[in-house]
Each structure stands twice: as structure tokens, then as C-alpha cells.
Protein backbone atom coordinates (compact mmCIF):
# COMPACT_ATOMS: atom_id res chain seq x y z
CA MET A 1 26.26 -148.56 93.60
CA ARG A 2 24.49 -149.41 90.54
CA PHE A 3 24.49 -148.31 86.88
CA LEU A 4 21.37 -146.72 85.45
CA THR A 5 21.18 -147.01 81.61
CA VAL A 6 18.47 -144.85 79.71
CA SER A 7 16.77 -145.46 76.48
CA LEU A 8 14.13 -143.12 75.17
CA HIS A 9 13.76 -145.16 71.84
CA PRO A 10 13.35 -148.77 72.63
CA VAL A 11 13.43 -151.59 69.96
CA LEU A 12 12.41 -154.94 69.50
CA GLN A 13 15.23 -156.30 67.34
CA ARG A 14 14.45 -159.03 64.68
CA THR A 15 17.80 -160.73 63.53
CA CYS A 16 17.35 -162.92 60.42
CA GLU A 17 20.18 -164.95 59.40
CA LEU A 18 20.78 -165.67 55.60
CA ASP A 19 23.17 -167.75 53.55
CA ARG A 20 23.77 -164.72 51.51
CA LEU A 21 21.74 -161.40 50.84
CA GLN A 22 20.47 -161.07 47.42
CA GLU A 23 18.86 -157.87 46.24
CA ASN A 24 15.51 -158.06 44.19
CA ARG A 25 15.45 -161.87 44.96
CA VAL A 26 13.31 -163.91 47.48
CA ASN A 27 15.67 -164.29 50.52
CA ARG A 28 14.77 -167.38 52.94
CA CYS A 29 15.78 -167.05 56.48
CA LEU A 30 17.87 -169.65 57.98
CA THR A 31 17.54 -168.63 61.54
CA LEU A 32 15.27 -165.97 63.18
CA ARG A 33 15.54 -164.29 66.68
CA VAL A 34 13.95 -161.52 68.40
CA ASP A 35 15.48 -159.55 71.34
CA ALA A 36 14.68 -156.53 73.55
CA SER A 37 17.03 -153.88 72.34
CA GLY A 38 17.98 -150.35 71.74
CA LYS A 39 21.31 -148.71 72.71
CA GLY A 40 20.46 -148.60 76.37
CA VAL A 41 19.26 -152.28 76.68
CA ASN A 42 22.22 -153.43 74.82
CA VAL A 43 24.64 -151.50 77.39
CA ALA A 44 22.65 -152.88 80.39
CA ARG A 45 22.68 -156.47 79.18
CA VAL A 46 26.56 -156.38 78.77
CA LEU A 47 27.01 -154.56 82.32
CA HIS A 48 24.72 -157.43 83.67
CA GLN A 49 27.00 -159.96 82.12
CA LEU A 50 29.97 -158.23 83.48
CA GLY A 51 28.51 -158.83 86.96
CA LYS A 52 27.45 -155.23 87.44
CA GLU A 53 24.21 -154.13 89.11
CA VAL A 54 22.35 -152.39 86.60
CA LEU A 55 18.85 -150.77 86.17
CA HIS A 56 17.46 -149.92 82.65
CA LEU A 57 14.95 -147.14 82.30
CA THR A 58 12.90 -146.60 79.19
CA GLN A 59 9.36 -145.83 77.84
CA LEU A 60 6.97 -148.62 76.47
CA GLY A 61 3.49 -148.67 75.07
CA GLY A 62 1.22 -150.37 72.74
CA VAL A 63 0.42 -154.22 72.05
CA LEU A 64 4.11 -155.33 72.44
CA THR A 65 4.76 -153.97 75.85
CA ASP A 66 4.30 -157.35 77.69
CA TYR A 67 6.45 -159.12 75.04
CA PHE A 68 9.29 -156.60 75.58
CA ILE A 69 9.03 -157.04 79.19
CA GLU A 70 9.19 -160.73 79.12
CA LEU A 71 12.33 -160.64 76.90
CA ILE A 72 14.07 -158.21 79.50
CA LYS A 73 13.09 -160.85 82.26
CA GLN A 74 14.58 -163.54 80.19
CA ASP A 75 17.85 -161.62 80.06
CA GLY A 76 17.87 -161.27 83.81
CA LEU A 77 17.61 -157.41 83.67
CA ALA A 78 15.95 -154.90 86.18
CA LEU A 79 13.70 -152.72 84.36
CA SER A 80 11.89 -149.52 85.14
CA TRP A 81 9.52 -147.95 82.51
CA VAL A 82 6.91 -145.35 82.00
CA ASP A 83 3.85 -145.71 79.85
CA SER A 84 4.26 -143.76 76.36
CA GLU A 85 1.09 -144.96 74.83
CA SER A 86 3.23 -145.35 71.73
CA GLU A 87 3.83 -148.66 69.93
CA ILE A 88 7.36 -150.24 70.27
CA ARG A 89 9.22 -149.91 67.05
CA ILE A 90 10.59 -153.13 65.28
CA CYS A 91 14.11 -152.94 63.56
CA THR A 92 15.54 -155.67 61.49
CA THR A 93 19.21 -157.07 60.88
CA LEU A 94 19.79 -159.28 57.86
CA LEU A 95 22.94 -161.30 58.39
CA SER A 96 24.82 -162.68 55.68
CA ARG A 97 26.79 -165.87 56.59
CA SER A 98 28.79 -166.01 53.36
CA ALA A 99 29.78 -162.34 53.30
CA HIS A 100 29.89 -161.78 57.20
CA THR A 101 27.83 -158.52 56.69
CA ALA A 102 24.98 -157.05 58.76
CA THR A 103 22.31 -154.86 56.94
CA GLU A 104 20.22 -152.90 59.36
CA ILE A 105 16.54 -151.82 58.61
CA VAL A 106 15.66 -149.15 61.10
CA GLU A 107 12.05 -148.56 61.73
CA GLU A 108 11.04 -144.99 63.05
CA ALA A 109 8.73 -145.04 66.09
CA PRO A 110 5.49 -142.90 66.38
CA PRO A 111 5.46 -139.97 68.64
CA VAL A 112 5.41 -140.67 72.39
CA SER A 113 2.17 -139.23 74.23
CA PRO A 114 2.35 -135.61 75.67
CA HIS A 115 2.50 -136.90 79.11
CA THR A 116 5.60 -139.13 78.60
CA ASP A 117 8.49 -136.48 78.81
CA GLY A 118 7.11 -135.51 82.40
CA ARG A 119 6.62 -139.03 83.50
CA MET A 120 10.23 -139.80 82.40
CA ARG A 121 11.80 -137.04 84.34
CA VAL A 122 9.94 -137.97 87.42
CA ARG A 123 11.06 -141.52 87.26
CA PHE A 124 14.60 -140.64 86.38
CA LEU A 125 14.79 -138.38 89.63
CA GLN A 126 13.55 -141.02 91.60
CA LEU A 127 16.19 -143.41 90.41
CA LEU A 128 19.09 -141.27 90.97
CA PRO A 129 19.96 -142.13 94.54
CA GLY A 130 22.04 -145.07 94.74
CA THR A 131 23.23 -144.73 91.45
CA ARG A 132 27.02 -144.61 90.44
CA MET A 133 26.74 -143.99 86.84
CA VAL A 134 24.07 -142.90 84.38
CA ILE A 135 24.67 -143.87 80.90
CA LEU A 136 22.39 -142.10 78.28
CA SER A 137 22.68 -143.63 74.77
CA GLY A 138 20.98 -143.32 71.35
CA SER A 139 18.33 -141.02 69.97
CA LYS A 140 15.11 -140.00 71.69
CA ALA A 141 11.67 -140.91 70.26
CA PRO A 142 9.59 -138.41 68.59
CA GLY A 143 7.48 -136.37 71.23
CA PHE A 144 10.34 -135.92 73.77
CA THR A 145 11.11 -132.40 74.50
CA ALA A 146 14.40 -130.98 72.91
CA ASP A 147 16.15 -130.58 76.06
CA ILE A 148 15.43 -133.91 77.97
CA LEU A 149 18.93 -135.57 77.61
CA PRO A 150 20.62 -132.60 78.57
CA TRP A 151 18.40 -132.07 81.65
CA MET A 152 19.24 -135.63 82.64
CA VAL A 153 22.83 -134.82 82.53
CA ARG A 154 22.49 -131.80 84.58
CA GLN A 155 20.43 -133.57 87.22
CA ALA A 156 22.80 -136.54 87.42
CA LYS A 157 25.81 -134.35 87.88
CA ALA A 158 24.05 -132.28 90.62
CA CYS A 159 23.65 -135.46 92.49
CA GLY A 160 27.40 -136.38 92.26
CA VAL A 161 26.53 -139.19 89.67
CA GLN A 162 29.07 -139.89 86.82
CA VAL A 163 27.62 -139.78 83.32
CA LEU A 164 28.78 -141.36 80.20
CA LEU A 165 27.06 -140.17 76.99
CA ASP A 166 26.71 -141.93 73.66
CA TYR A 167 24.88 -139.61 71.43
CA ARG A 168 25.69 -136.92 69.05
CA GLY A 169 24.58 -133.81 67.46
CA ARG A 170 22.61 -130.97 69.30
CA ASP A 171 21.89 -133.26 72.18
CA LEU A 172 25.49 -133.75 72.70
CA LEU A 173 26.49 -130.13 72.26
CA ASP A 174 23.68 -128.96 74.82
CA SER A 175 24.91 -131.56 77.16
CA LEU A 176 28.46 -130.42 77.54
CA ALA A 177 27.57 -127.39 79.51
CA TYR A 178 26.78 -129.80 82.61
CA GLN A 179 30.20 -131.59 82.40
CA PRO A 180 29.59 -135.17 81.49
CA ASP A 181 32.31 -137.50 82.64
CA LEU A 182 32.81 -139.48 79.33
CA ILE A 183 31.55 -139.15 75.70
CA LYS A 184 31.62 -142.09 73.34
CA PRO A 185 30.69 -141.05 69.89
CA ASN A 186 32.28 -142.87 66.76
CA ARG A 187 34.61 -140.65 64.73
CA GLN A 188 32.08 -139.68 62.11
CA GLU A 189 29.51 -138.81 64.92
CA PHE A 190 32.36 -136.71 66.45
CA GLU A 191 33.13 -134.90 63.03
CA ASP A 192 29.45 -134.30 62.54
CA THR A 193 28.83 -132.72 65.94
CA PHE A 194 31.97 -130.61 66.35
CA PHE A 195 32.77 -129.89 62.65
CA PRO A 196 29.42 -129.58 61.06
CA GLY A 197 29.37 -129.04 57.29
CA CYS A 198 32.93 -129.94 56.91
CA SER A 199 33.47 -132.52 54.22
CA ALA A 200 37.07 -133.39 55.54
CA VAL A 201 38.35 -132.84 59.02
CA SER A 202 41.98 -133.51 59.49
CA GLU A 203 43.13 -135.80 62.25
CA HIS A 204 44.91 -132.81 63.83
CA ARG A 205 41.84 -130.87 64.42
CA ILE A 206 40.21 -133.85 65.73
CA MET A 207 42.95 -134.41 68.36
CA GLU A 208 42.87 -130.68 69.10
CA LYS A 209 39.15 -130.84 70.16
CA MET A 210 39.77 -134.04 72.16
CA ILE A 211 42.38 -132.45 73.90
CA ALA A 212 40.40 -129.40 74.57
CA LEU A 213 37.44 -131.43 76.01
CA GLU A 214 39.86 -133.41 78.27
CA GLN A 215 41.30 -130.03 79.71
CA SER A 216 37.58 -129.03 80.38
CA GLY A 217 37.18 -132.22 82.47
CA ILE A 218 35.09 -134.23 79.62
CA HIS A 219 36.82 -137.53 78.55
CA ALA A 220 36.26 -138.38 74.75
CA VAL A 221 36.76 -141.86 73.45
CA LEU A 222 36.37 -142.29 69.70
CA THR A 223 35.61 -145.62 68.01
CA ASP A 224 36.00 -145.97 64.32
CA GLY A 225 34.90 -149.52 63.40
CA ALA A 226 37.84 -151.73 62.66
CA GLN A 227 40.26 -148.60 62.98
CA PRO A 228 42.06 -147.72 66.14
CA VAL A 229 40.18 -146.34 68.97
CA TRP A 230 41.24 -142.66 70.12
CA TYR A 231 41.44 -141.34 73.75
CA VAL A 232 43.51 -138.73 75.63
CA GLN A 233 46.05 -139.71 78.04
CA GLY A 234 48.03 -136.75 79.51
CA GLU A 235 48.25 -134.19 76.95
CA ARG A 236 48.35 -136.49 73.90
CA VAL A 237 45.95 -138.79 71.86
CA VAL A 238 46.60 -142.38 72.06
CA ARG A 239 45.34 -144.84 69.34
CA ARG A 240 44.67 -148.12 70.58
CA PRO A 241 44.62 -150.65 67.68
CA VAL A 242 41.49 -152.99 67.31
CA GLU A 243 41.92 -156.78 67.00
CA ALA A 244 40.64 -158.06 63.67
CA VAL A 245 37.55 -160.45 64.24
CA VAL A 246 35.39 -162.31 61.66
CA PRO A 247 32.07 -160.96 62.73
CA VAL A 248 28.72 -163.02 63.16
CA ASN A 249 26.77 -160.09 63.98
CA ALA A 250 28.33 -156.60 64.72
CA ILE A 251 25.17 -154.90 65.95
CA GLY A 252 25.49 -153.83 69.51
CA SER A 253 29.24 -153.95 69.49
CA GLY A 254 29.45 -150.22 70.27
CA ASP A 255 27.03 -150.63 73.01
CA ALA A 256 29.07 -153.44 74.42
CA PHE A 257 32.11 -151.25 74.11
CA ALA A 258 30.56 -148.63 76.15
CA ALA A 259 29.47 -151.05 78.88
CA GLY A 260 33.15 -152.27 79.05
CA LEU A 261 34.26 -148.62 79.13
CA ALA A 262 31.85 -147.52 81.93
CA ALA A 263 32.48 -150.64 83.93
CA VAL A 264 36.12 -150.32 84.38
CA TRP A 265 36.49 -146.49 84.26
CA SER A 266 33.81 -145.76 86.89
CA GLU A 267 35.49 -147.68 89.37
CA THR A 268 39.23 -147.05 88.52
CA GLY A 269 39.47 -143.98 86.47
CA ASP A 270 42.18 -145.87 84.45
CA MET A 271 41.21 -144.97 80.73
CA GLY A 272 43.80 -147.45 79.34
CA ALA A 273 42.36 -150.29 81.26
CA ALA A 274 38.75 -149.28 80.45
CA VAL A 275 39.54 -149.12 76.79
CA ASP A 276 41.16 -152.42 76.76
CA LYS A 277 37.94 -153.95 78.40
CA ALA A 278 35.74 -151.97 76.21
CA LEU A 279 37.67 -153.44 73.07
CA TRP A 280 37.25 -156.98 74.62
CA CYS A 281 33.53 -156.59 75.03
CA GLY A 282 32.96 -155.32 71.43
CA LYS A 283 34.89 -158.10 70.16
CA GLN A 284 32.91 -160.61 72.09
CA ASN A 285 29.59 -159.23 70.94
CA ALA A 286 30.61 -159.29 67.33
CA ARG A 287 31.34 -162.95 67.41
CA LEU A 288 27.74 -163.82 68.66
CA ILE A 289 24.30 -163.58 66.79
CA LYS A 290 22.55 -161.93 69.79
CA PRO A 291 22.92 -158.03 69.69
CA GLY A 292 24.35 -156.50 72.90
CA VAL A 293 26.01 -159.61 74.64
CA ILE A 294 29.27 -160.95 75.39
CA ARG A 295 28.01 -164.40 76.07
CA LEU A 296 24.99 -166.55 75.39
CA GLN A 297 22.87 -167.81 78.25
CA ASN A 298 20.81 -170.93 77.77
CA GLU A 299 21.62 -170.89 74.14
CA GLU A 300 19.48 -173.87 73.52
CA HIS A 301 16.61 -171.97 74.11
CA PHE A 302 17.30 -169.36 71.33
């Protein structure tokens, strides 16, 4: 029974390492790498490194399609994709060695072709048989219909497939009606989704909402950077401390967390053990320069 990760907004991630980032100056790159990325790709890569069978579904188009596929192949990932006739976006991470910071420059993708939404739905239905858990993460590229992510949740649950969601806002709210098993927003995303327009949300209100979701059958796990992870156990919210780490590149750590969470919870239902594994995966990712990994393979080729 495999995992199926889905990304509707793929990325080619350029990671540039600097001695230090200086604004309004020429910054010379010490090392540069390019990786296939996007939240779904990162989750798939970590699941693969955890020894899980995983398939990644995405949309691709334009002149960089073959390059993206080759990078996925180098990571040993199984890939299914539909032609979107849309160029793959390129995002850039600027790493400061001296400050241990990561500055992210996010490029917006052009709209996918009008045929992409229908192609993606057909392929998704084809891939559901034999799937243990579907992991839907990240935003959708312009051109997809507003309901595609909730529709995927509904189809997966109708087939008895577990679902983990890592997105926010209207997409998340509309998906809740179909009873996803797990949601993994960060705290700010949780507040923006469930308490829109509130400048300050008390911890008590957040906990109440998490417990209400738990009672409805939806497990919420909230991350908050270096602050404790929140999850519900019984009728109370547990705060699990996060081990401090000096990061090399924290980009993808949330995706690594999602992969570790999914890998353990889908098989055991033990949330405490799942969060422990998730935290370990997030920590390992932060210590490495490549986004969305818990170890580097063939490092000499990077």
C-alpha cells in the first residue's frame, strides 16, 4: 500500500549559499544547487528515504519538463504527471553561512492550460487503487478550479484512503466536510484559516478549535518553527518541545515533518510516536543543504 503525494504547483528550487547576505551589494554564490521541489515533491523524497513506497503526482509543462523529470529520477522517485502546457516556476533560496538564515524568493507560475484540471482529476482517480494515504500539500497553480483539492479529499475518502492535508484557507475549510484524517498547518496558517481577521488569537481558542476538530474525527497537528508542536491526545492539547538545531537550510523542514508524521501515523495511529518521528525528520532536513531530505545520497555528485 503506497503513499500518493500530490503537488499542483511544482518548483525547480535553486539554493545559493553565501558567506553572508548583503542588501544592495553584489553577493557572490559559494555553492549553487538545483532540485526538483515543491511541497509534494519534498514529502515524497523524505517518505522514499524512510523506506516507504511512494508515488508523486504533479503537473508539468514547458522547456524545463525534461530537466525536472531527470532530477526526480536522480532522487529515485516514482513520478506520474499530466501536461499543463505551463512553464515550471523557479524559486530561489539564499543561504547565509554566517547568520544561518534562509531567504526565500518565490516565483509565481503562469496559469495552467484549461485542459489541466480535467487531466489531473482523471489521473488522480486512476492512482487511488492501492494507495494507503494521500498527502495533499501546498497551493495550486493558477488555472485550476477552486474545488479541485476538496474534490480530491472527497474521492480519496470515498475509496477508504487516508488523507493528510498541508494547506490553508478556503481550500482547507472546504476540504473539512469530507473528513480528512490529519491536517498539518503551522500555527499562523491555523489562525488565518479558522480565525480570519483576528489580530490576536488566544491559546485557549486555538486549543478549543483543535479539540473540536478531534471530536469530529479530524486530527490537527500545529507546528510553529522552533516553538513546541501542538496535537490533541484524549481531550487535551499536548505541547511537544522542538529540539534546538543550528540550521543549514530549513526550507523543506515542514514537508519532512509531514512525511514523518504520515509514515508513522498511517501504520500505527499513534500520534505521539508520529510526532516524534516528524520532529526527527524536520531536524534532519534543517541540517542539510538540499531541501526535503533527511540524508544526502551520492553527495559527491551535488
